[in-house]
Amino acid sequence: MSKQQSLPVRLLRGFAMFWWDFLVGDTPELFIAVLVIIGVVALLSVVGHFNAAAVIVLPLLAVSALAISVRRAQRSSQRK
């Protein structure tokens, strides 16, 4: 006999799984990169008051993270 979950638990689990799939999806390294980029920019602008540096660092880090992700995807597709 399998134990079924209650409706609130199933709804909460479904909601959490949706957000996990929406935010993390197939590439968890991009999710981690986004969190790191937001943290670095927040530290630069709040702690150091380097707003101009934060404006420059944000796109550089974002493009770097995307380039690394694309390179990893290319390597994995070539192995198959």
PDB file of N, CA and C in Angstrom:
ATOM      1  N   MET A   1       0.852  -1.164   0.000  1.00  0.00           N
ATOM      2  CA  MET A   1       0.000   0.000   0.000  1.00  0.00           C
ATOM      3  C   MET A   1       0.910   1.243   0.000  1.00  0.00           C
ATOM      4  N   SER A   2       0.734   2.142  -0.981  1.00  0.00           N
ATOM      5  CA  SER A   2       1.551   3.356  -1.033  1.00  0.00           C
ATOM      6  C   SER A   2       0.823   4.498  -0.338  1.00  0.00           C
ATOM      7  N   LYS A   3       1.585   5.275   0.363  1.00  0.00           N
ATOM      8  CA  LYS A   3       1.016   6.398   1.116  1.00  0.00           C
ATOM      9  C   LYS A   3       0.960   7.617   0.203  1.00  0.00           C
ATOM     10  N   GLN A   4      -0.231   8.174   0.003  1.00  0.00           N
ATOM     11  CA  GLN A   4      -0.370   9.364  -0.823  1.00  0.00           C
ATOM     12  C   GLN A   4      -0.161  10.608   0.019  1.00  0.00           C
ATOM     13  N   GLN A   5       0.412  11.628  -0.626  1.00  0.00           N
ATOM     14  CA  GLN A   5       0.644  12.898   0.065  1.00  0.00           C
ATOM     15  C   GLN A   5      -0.648  13.710   0.059  1.00  0.00           C
ATOM     16  N   SER A   6      -0.772  14.559   1.054  1.00  0.00           N
ATOM     17  CA  SER A   6      -1.951  15.417   1.124  1.00  0.00           C
ATOM     18  C   SER A   6      -1.881  16.488   0.037  1.00  0.00           C
ATOM     19  N   LEU A   7      -3.009  17.100  -0.233  1.00  0.00           N
ATOM     20  CA  LEU A   7      -3.090  18.101  -1.288  1.00  0.00           C
ATOM     21  C   LEU A   7      -2.155  19.287  -1.054  1.00  0.00           C
ATOM     22  N   PRO A   8      -2.090  19.863   0.150  1.00  0.00           N
ATOM     23  CA  PRO A   8      -1.166  20.990   0.339  1.00  0.00           C
ATOM     24  C   PRO A   8       0.297  20.604   0.109  1.00  0.00           C
ATOM     25  N   VAL A   9       0.673  19.394   0.508  1.00  0.00           N
ATOM     26  CA  VAL A   9       2.057  18.952   0.311  1.00  0.00           C
ATOM     27  C   VAL A   9       2.337  18.783  -1.174  1.00  0.00           C
ATOM     28  N   ARG A  10       1.389  18.191  -1.917  1.00  0.00           N
ATOM     29  CA  ARG A  10       1.579  18.032  -3.364  1.00  0.00           C
ATOM     30  C   ARG A  10       1.652  19.379  -4.072  1.00  0.00           C
ATOM     31  N   LEU A  11       0.809  20.323  -3.666  1.00  0.00           N
ATOM     32  CA  LEU A  11       0.834  21.655  -4.277  1.00  0.00           C
ATOM     33  C   LEU A  11       2.146  22.370  -3.981  1.00  0.00           C
ATOM     34  N   LEU A  12       2.598  22.286  -2.744  1.00  0.00           N
ATOM     35  CA  LEU A  12       3.858  22.925  -2.373  1.00  0.00           C
ATOM     36  C   LEU A  12       5.032  22.290  -3.108  1.00  0.00           C
ATOM     37  N   ARG A  13       5.027  20.969  -3.203  1.00  0.00           N
ATOM     38  CA  ARG A  13       6.096  20.262  -3.918  1.00  0.00           C
ATOM     39  C   ARG A  13       6.076  20.613  -5.405  1.00  0.00           C
ATOM     40  N   GLY A  14       4.904  20.672  -5.999  1.00  0.00           N
ATOM     41  CA  GLY A  14       4.783  21.053  -7.405  1.00  0.00           C
ATOM     42  C   GLY A  14       5.253  22.474  -7.645  1.00  0.00           C
ATOM     43  N   PHE A  15       4.910  23.384  -6.743  1.00  0.00           N
ATOM     44  CA  PHE A  15       5.345  24.777  -6.853  1.00  0.00           C
ATOM     45  C   PHE A  15       6.864  24.888  -6.766  1.00  0.00           C
ATOM     46  N   ALA A  16       7.448  24.150  -5.816  1.00  0.00           N
ATOM     47  CA  ALA A  16       8.906  24.169  -5.650  1.00  0.00           C
ATOM     48  C   ALA A  16       9.597  23.555  -6.863  1.00  0.00           C
ATOM     49  N   MET A  17       9.061  22.468  -7.386  1.00  0.00           N
ATOM     50  CA  MET A  17       9.662  21.830  -8.567  1.00  0.00           C
ATOM     51  C   MET A  17       9.579  22.734  -9.801  1.00  0.00           C
ATOM     52  N   PHE A  18       8.471  23.479  -9.936  1.00  0.00           N
ATOM     53  CA  PHE A  18       8.352  24.428 -11.043  1.00  0.00           C
ATOM     54  C   PHE A  18       9.456  25.471 -10.970  1.00  0.00           C
ATOM     55  N   TRP A  19       9.642  26.073  -9.788  1.00  0.00           N
ATOM     56  CA  TRP A  19      10.651  27.113  -9.668  1.00  0.00           C
ATOM     57  C   TRP A  19      12.061  26.561  -9.830  1.00  0.00           C
ATOM     58  N   TRP A  20      12.303  25.340  -9.343  1.00  0.00           N
ATOM     59  CA  TRP A  20      13.608  24.723  -9.528  1.00  0.00           C
ATOM     60  C   TRP A  20      13.874  24.529 -11.022  1.00  0.00           C
ATOM     61  N   ASP A  21      12.903  23.996 -11.741  1.00  0.00           N
ATOM     62  CA  ASP A  21      13.078  23.766 -13.174  1.00  0.00           C
ATOM     63  C   ASP A  21      13.188  25.085 -13.926  1.00  0.00           C
ATOM     64  N   PHE A  22      12.430  26.091 -13.514  1.00  0.00           N
ATOM     65  CA  PHE A  22      12.464  27.391 -14.184  1.00  0.00           C
ATOM     66  C   PHE A  22      13.787  28.107 -13.952  1.00  0.00           C
ATOM     67  N   LEU A  23      14.302  28.101 -12.733  1.00  0.00           N
ATOM     68  CA  LEU A  23      15.527  28.828 -12.409  1.00  0.00           C
ATOM     69  C   LEU A  23      16.790  28.044 -12.734  1.00  0.00           C
ATOM     70  N   VAL A  24      16.819  26.779 -12.426  1.00  0.00           N
ATOM     71  CA  VAL A  24      18.024  25.982 -12.621  1.00  0.00           C
ATOM     72  C   VAL A  24      18.001  25.310 -13.990  1.00  0.00           C
ATOM     73  N   GLY A  25      16.928  24.632 -14.301  1.00  0.00           N
ATOM     74  CA  GLY A  25      16.790  23.993 -15.602  1.00  0.00           C
ATOM     75  C   GLY A  25      17.871  22.973 -15.883  1.00  0.00           C
ATOM     76  N   ASP A  26      18.405  23.013 -17.103  1.00  0.00           N
ATOM     77  CA  ASP A  26      19.410  22.045 -17.532  1.00  0.00           C
ATOM     78  C   ASP A  26      20.834  22.463 -17.184  1.00  0.00           C
ATOM     79  N   THR A  27      21.029  23.711 -16.835  1.00  0.00           N
ATOM     80  CA  THR A  27      22.389  24.211 -16.599  1.00  0.00           C
ATOM     81  C   THR A  27      22.496  24.854 -15.221  1.00  0.00           C
ATOM     82  N   PRO A  28      22.742  24.061 -14.199  1.00  0.00           N
ATOM     83  CA  PRO A  28      22.865  24.629 -12.850  1.00  0.00           C
ATOM     84  C   PRO A  28      24.058  25.565 -12.711  1.00  0.00           C
ATOM     85  N   GLU A  29      25.084  25.399 -13.567  1.00  0.00           N
ATOM     86  CA  GLU A  29      26.240  26.298 -13.464  1.00  0.00           C
ATOM     87  C   GLU A  29      25.862  27.735 -13.810  1.00  0.00           C
ATOM     88  N   LEU A  30      24.892  27.930 -14.699  1.00  0.00           N
ATOM     89  CA  LEU A  30      24.449  29.295 -14.998  1.00  0.00           C
ATOM     90  C   LEU A  30      23.681  29.892 -13.821  1.00  0.00           C
ATOM     91  N   PHE A  31      22.921  29.077 -13.123  1.00  0.00           N
ATOM     92  CA  PHE A  31      22.211  29.560 -11.938  1.00  0.00           C
ATOM     93  C   PHE A  31      23.200  30.000 -10.863  1.00  0.00           C
ATOM     94  N   ILE A  32      24.225  29.188 -10.651  1.00  0.00           N
ATOM     95  CA  ILE A  32      25.269  29.545  -9.680  1.00  0.00           C
ATOM     96  C   ILE A  32      26.007  30.796 -10.144  1.00  0.00           C
ATOM     97  N   ALA A  33      26.294  30.890 -11.438  1.00  0.00           N
ATOM     98  CA  ALA A  33      26.983  32.068 -11.972  1.00  0.00           C
ATOM     99  C   ALA A  33      26.163  33.330 -11.757  1.00  0.00           C
ATOM    100  N   VAL A  34      24.860  33.243 -11.961  1.00  0.00           N
ATOM    101  CA  VAL A  34      23.993  34.409 -11.740  1.00  0.00           C
ATOM    102  C   VAL A  34      24.035  34.837 -10.275  1.00  0.00           C
ATOM    103  N   LEU A  35      23.973  33.874  -9.374  1.00  0.00           N
ATOM    104  CA  LEU A  35      24.047  34.213  -7.949  1.00  0.00           C
ATOM    105  C   LEU A  35      25.383  34.861  -7.596  1.00  0.00           C
ATOM    106  N   VAL A  36      26.470  34.342  -8.151  1.00  0.00           N
ATOM    107  CA  VAL A  36      27.798  34.915  -7.890  1.00  0.00           C
ATOM    108  C   VAL A  36      27.893  36.320  -8.474  1.00  0.00           C
ATOM    109  N   ILE A  37      27.401  36.506  -9.696  1.00  0.00           N
ATOM    110  CA  ILE A  37      27.461  37.824 -10.339  1.00  0.00           C
ATOM    111  C   ILE A  37      26.663  38.846  -9.537  1.00  0.00           C
ATOM    112  N   ILE A  38      25.474  38.476  -9.119  1.00  0.00           N
ATOM    113  CA  ILE A  38      24.662  39.399  -8.317  1.00  0.00           C
ATOM    114  C   ILE A  38      25.369  39.728  -7.009  1.00  0.00           C
ATOM    115  N   GLY A  39      25.980  38.734  -6.384  1.00  0.00           N
ATOM    116  CA  GLY A  39      26.715  38.971  -5.143  1.00  0.00           C
ATOM    117  C   GLY A  39      27.906  39.899  -5.333  1.00  0.00           C
ATOM    118  N   VAL A  40      28.672  39.682  -6.401  1.00  0.00           N
ATOM    119  CA  VAL A  40      29.846  40.528  -6.664  1.00  0.00           C
ATOM    120  C   VAL A  40      29.422  41.966  -6.934  1.00  0.00           C
ATOM    121  N   VAL A  41      28.405  42.137  -7.759  1.00  0.00           N
ATOM    122  CA  VAL A  41      27.938  43.494  -8.076  1.00  0.00           C
ATOM    123  C   VAL A  41      27.370  44.168  -6.831  1.00  0.00           C
ATOM    124  N   ALA A  42      26.640  43.426  -6.007  1.00  0.00           N
ATOM    125  CA  ALA A  42      26.106  44.005  -4.778  1.00  0.00           C
ATOM    126  C   ALA A  42      27.226  44.414  -3.838  1.00  0.00           C
ATOM    127  N   LEU A  43      28.248  43.567  -3.712  1.00  0.00           N
ATOM    128  CA  LEU A  43      29.387  43.928  -2.858  1.00  0.00           C
ATOM    129  C   LEU A  43      30.119  45.150  -3.380  1.00  0.00           C
ATOM    130  N   LEU A  44      30.306  45.224  -4.682  1.00  0.00           N
ATOM    131  CA  LEU A  44      30.997  46.379  -5.256  1.00  0.00           C
ATOM    132  C   LEU A  44      30.216  47.668  -5.029  1.00  0.00           C
ATOM    133  N   SER A  45      28.909  47.607  -5.214  1.00  0.00           N
ATOM    134  CA  SER A  45      28.135  48.849  -5.135  1.00  0.00           C
ATOM    135  C   SER A  45      27.785  49.251  -3.712  1.00  0.00           C
ATOM    136  N   VAL A  46      27.526  48.292  -2.838  1.00  0.00           N
ATOM    137  CA  VAL A  46      27.099  48.635  -1.483  1.00  0.00           C
ATOM    138  C   VAL A  46      28.281  48.814  -0.548  1.00  0.00           C
ATOM    139  N   VAL A  47      29.160  47.835  -0.512  1.00  0.00           N
ATOM    140  CA  VAL A  47      30.253  47.863   0.453  1.00  0.00           C
ATOM    141  C   VAL A  47      31.334  48.851   0.034  1.00  0.00           C
ATOM    142  N   GLY A  48      31.748  48.775  -1.234  1.00  0.00           N
ATOM    143  CA  GLY A  48      32.844  49.613  -1.675  1.00  0.00           C
ATOM    144  C   GLY A  48      32.433  50.905  -2.336  1.00  0.00           C
ATOM    145  N   HIS A  49      31.136  51.077  -2.604  1.00  0.00           N
ATOM    146  CA  HIS A  49      30.621  52.249  -3.311  1.00  0.00           C
ATOM    147  C   HIS A  49      31.316  52.433  -4.665  1.00  0.00           C
ATOM    148  N   PHE A  50      31.589  51.309  -5.337  1.00  0.00           N
ATOM    149  CA  PHE A  50      32.192  51.337  -6.660  1.00  0.00           C
ATOM    150  C   PHE A  50      31.111  51.090  -7.702  1.00  0.00           C
ATOM    151  N   ASN A  51      30.172  52.018  -7.833  1.00  0.00           N
ATOM    152  CA  ASN A  51      29.054  51.836  -8.748  1.00  0.00           C
ATOM    153  C   ASN A  51      29.515  51.780 -10.197  1.00  0.00           C
ATOM    154  N   ALA A  52      30.490  52.598 -10.559  1.00  0.00           N
ATOM    155  CA  ALA A  52      30.984  52.589 -11.938  1.00  0.00           C
ATOM    156  C   ALA A  52      31.648  51.246 -12.255  1.00  0.00           C
ATOM    157  N   ALA A  53      32.395  50.707 -11.310  1.00  0.00           N
ATOM    158  CA  ALA A  53      33.027  49.403 -11.519  1.00  0.00           C
ATOM    159  C   ALA A  53      31.971  48.310 -11.614  1.00  0.00           C
ATOM    160  N   ALA A  54      30.912  48.411 -10.830  1.00  0.00           N
ATOM    161  CA  ALA A  54      29.844  47.418 -10.870  1.00  0.00           C
ATOM    162  C   ALA A  54      29.146  47.415 -12.222  1.00  0.00           C
ATOM    163  N   VAL A  55      28.977  48.594 -12.812  1.00  0.00           N
ATOM    164  CA  VAL A  55      28.336  48.695 -14.118  1.00  0.00           C
ATOM    165  C   VAL A  55      29.206  48.045 -15.193  1.00  0.00           C
ATOM    166  N   ILE A  56      30.503  48.120 -15.041  1.00  0.00           N
ATOM    167  CA  ILE A  56      31.414  47.511 -16.016  1.00  0.00           C
ATOM    168  C   ILE A  56      31.563  46.015 -15.758  1.00  0.00           C
ATOM    169  N   VAL A  57      31.625  45.615 -14.510  1.00  0.00           N
ATOM    170  CA  VAL A  57      31.864  44.218 -14.150  1.00  0.00           C
ATOM    171  C   VAL A  57      30.652  43.339 -14.482  1.00  0.00           C
ATOM    172  N   LEU A  58      29.447  43.850 -14.321  1.00  0.00           N
ATOM    173  CA  LEU A  58      28.242  43.049 -14.550  1.00  0.00           C
ATOM    174  C   LEU A  58      28.194  42.442 -15.948  1.00  0.00           C
ATOM    175  N   PRO A  59      28.287  43.222 -17.019  1.00  0.00           N
ATOM    176  CA  PRO A  59      28.228  42.585 -18.346  1.00  0.00           C
ATOM    177  C   PRO A  59      29.439  41.696 -18.631  1.00  0.00           C
ATOM    178  N   LEU A  60      30.604  42.060 -18.111  1.00  0.00           N
ATOM    179  CA  LEU A  60      31.785  41.225 -18.338  1.00  0.00           C
ATOM    180  C   LEU A  60      31.617  39.847 -17.703  1.00  0.00           C
ATOM    181  N   LEU A  61      31.135  39.813 -16.479  1.00  0.00           N
ATOM    182  CA  LEU A  61      30.912  38.531 -15.813  1.00  0.00           C
ATOM    183  C   LEU A  61      29.797  37.730 -16.486  1.00  0.00           C
ATOM    184  N   ALA A  62      28.744  38.410 -16.927  1.00  0.00           N
ATOM    185  CA  ALA A  62      27.637  37.709 -17.584  1.00  0.00           C
ATOM    186  C   ALA A  62      28.089  37.085 -18.902  1.00  0.00           C
ATOM    187  N   VAL A  63      28.817  37.833 -19.706  1.00  0.00           N
ATOM    188  CA  VAL A  63      29.313  37.304 -20.982  1.00  0.00           C
ATOM    189  C   VAL A  63      30.305  36.170 -20.732  1.00  0.00           C
ATOM    190  N   SER A  64      31.129  36.305 -19.721  1.00  0.00           N
ATOM    191  CA  SER A  64      32.085  35.239 -19.394  1.00  0.00           C
ATOM    192  C   SER A  64      31.364  33.958 -18.979  1.00  0.00           C
ATOM    193  N   ALA A  65      30.350  34.083 -18.160  1.00  0.00           N
ATOM    194  CA  ALA A  65      29.598  32.909 -17.720  1.00  0.00           C
ATOM    195  C   ALA A  65      28.909  32.229 -18.898  1.00  0.00           C
ATOM    196  N   LEU A  66      28.338  33.020 -19.789  1.00  0.00           N
ATOM    197  CA  LEU A  66      27.690  32.438 -20.960  1.00  0.00           C
ATOM    198  C   LEU A  66      28.696  31.768 -21.882  1.00  0.00           C
ATOM    199  N   ALA A  67      29.857  32.382 -22.067  1.00  0.00           N
ATOM    200  CA  ALA A  67      30.886  31.794 -22.926  1.00  0.00           C
ATOM    201  C   ALA A  67      31.377  30.467 -22.353  1.00  0.00           C
ATOM    202  N   ILE A  68      31.569  30.406 -21.058  1.00  0.00           N
ATOM    203  CA  ILE A  68      32.006  29.164 -20.418  1.00  0.00           C
ATOM    204  C   ILE A  68      30.934  28.086 -20.576  1.00  0.00           C
ATOM    205  N   SER A  69      29.678  28.457 -20.415  1.00  0.00           N
ATOM    206  CA  SER A  69      28.595  27.495 -20.561  1.00  0.00           C
ATOM    207  C   SER A  69      28.502  26.968 -21.989  1.00  0.00           C
ATOM    208  N   VAL A  70      28.647  27.843 -22.965  1.00  0.00           N
ATOM    209  CA  VAL A  70      28.601  27.419 -24.368  1.00  0.00           C
ATOM    210  C   VAL A  70      29.768  26.500 -24.683  1.00  0.00           C
ATOM    211  N   ARG A  71      30.942  26.827 -24.197  1.00  0.00           N
ATOM    212  CA  ARG A  71      32.116  25.981 -24.437  1.00  0.00           C
ATOM    213  C   ARG A  71      31.928  24.585 -23.826  1.00  0.00           C
ATOM    214  N   ARG A  72      31.374  24.532 -22.621  1.00  0.00           N
ATOM    215  CA  ARG A  72      31.115  23.229 -21.987  1.00  0.00           C
ATOM    216  C   ARG A  72      30.097  22.427 -22.785  1.00  0.00           C
ATOM    217  N   ALA A  73      29.065  23.101 -23.304  1.00  0.00           N
ATOM    218  CA  ALA A  73      28.049  22.403 -24.090  1.00  0.00           C
ATOM    219  C   ALA A  73      28.632  21.884 -25.398  1.00  0.00           C
ATOM    220  N   GLN A  74      29.513  22.660 -26.022  1.00  0.00           N
ATOM    221  CA  GLN A  74      30.163  22.210 -27.251  1.00  0.00           C
ATOM    222  C   GLN A  74      31.030  20.989 -27.001  1.00  0.00           C
ATOM    223  N   ARG A  75      31.790  21.032 -25.926  1.00  0.00           N
ATOM    224  CA  ARG A  75      32.651  19.894 -25.596  1.00  0.00           C
ATOM    225  C   ARG A  75      31.830  18.635 -25.327  1.00  0.00           C
ATOM    226  N   SER A  76      30.743  18.768 -24.598  1.00  0.00           N
ATOM    227  CA  SER A  76      29.945  17.590 -24.283  1.00  0.00           C
ATOM    228  C   SER A  76      29.238  17.044 -25.522  1.00  0.00           C
ATOM    229  N   SER A  77      28.856  17.916 -26.453  1.00  0.00           N
ATOM    230  CA  SER A  77      28.197  17.426 -27.671  1.00  0.00           C
ATOM    231  C   SER A  77      29.203  16.779 -28.614  1.00  0.00           C
ATOM    232  N   GLN A  78      30.459  17.175 -28.582  1.00  0.00           N
ATOM    233  CA  GLN A  78      31.475  16.571 -29.433  1.00  0.00           C
ATOM    234  C   GLN A  78      31.837  15.182 -28.942  1.00  0.00           C
ATOM    235  N   ARG A  79      31.723  14.934 -27.652  1.00  0.00           N
ATOM    236  CA  ARG A  79      32.043  13.619 -27.088  1.00  0.00           C
ATOM    237  C   ARG A  79      31.008  12.575 -27.450  1.00  0.00           C
ATOM    238  N   LYS A  80      29.797  13.004 -27.729  1.00  0.00           N
ATOM    239  CA  LYS A  80      28.705  12.047 -27.996  1.00  0.00           C
ATOM    240  C   LYS A  80      28.747  11.518 -29.395  1.00  0.00           C
TER     241      LYS A  80
END
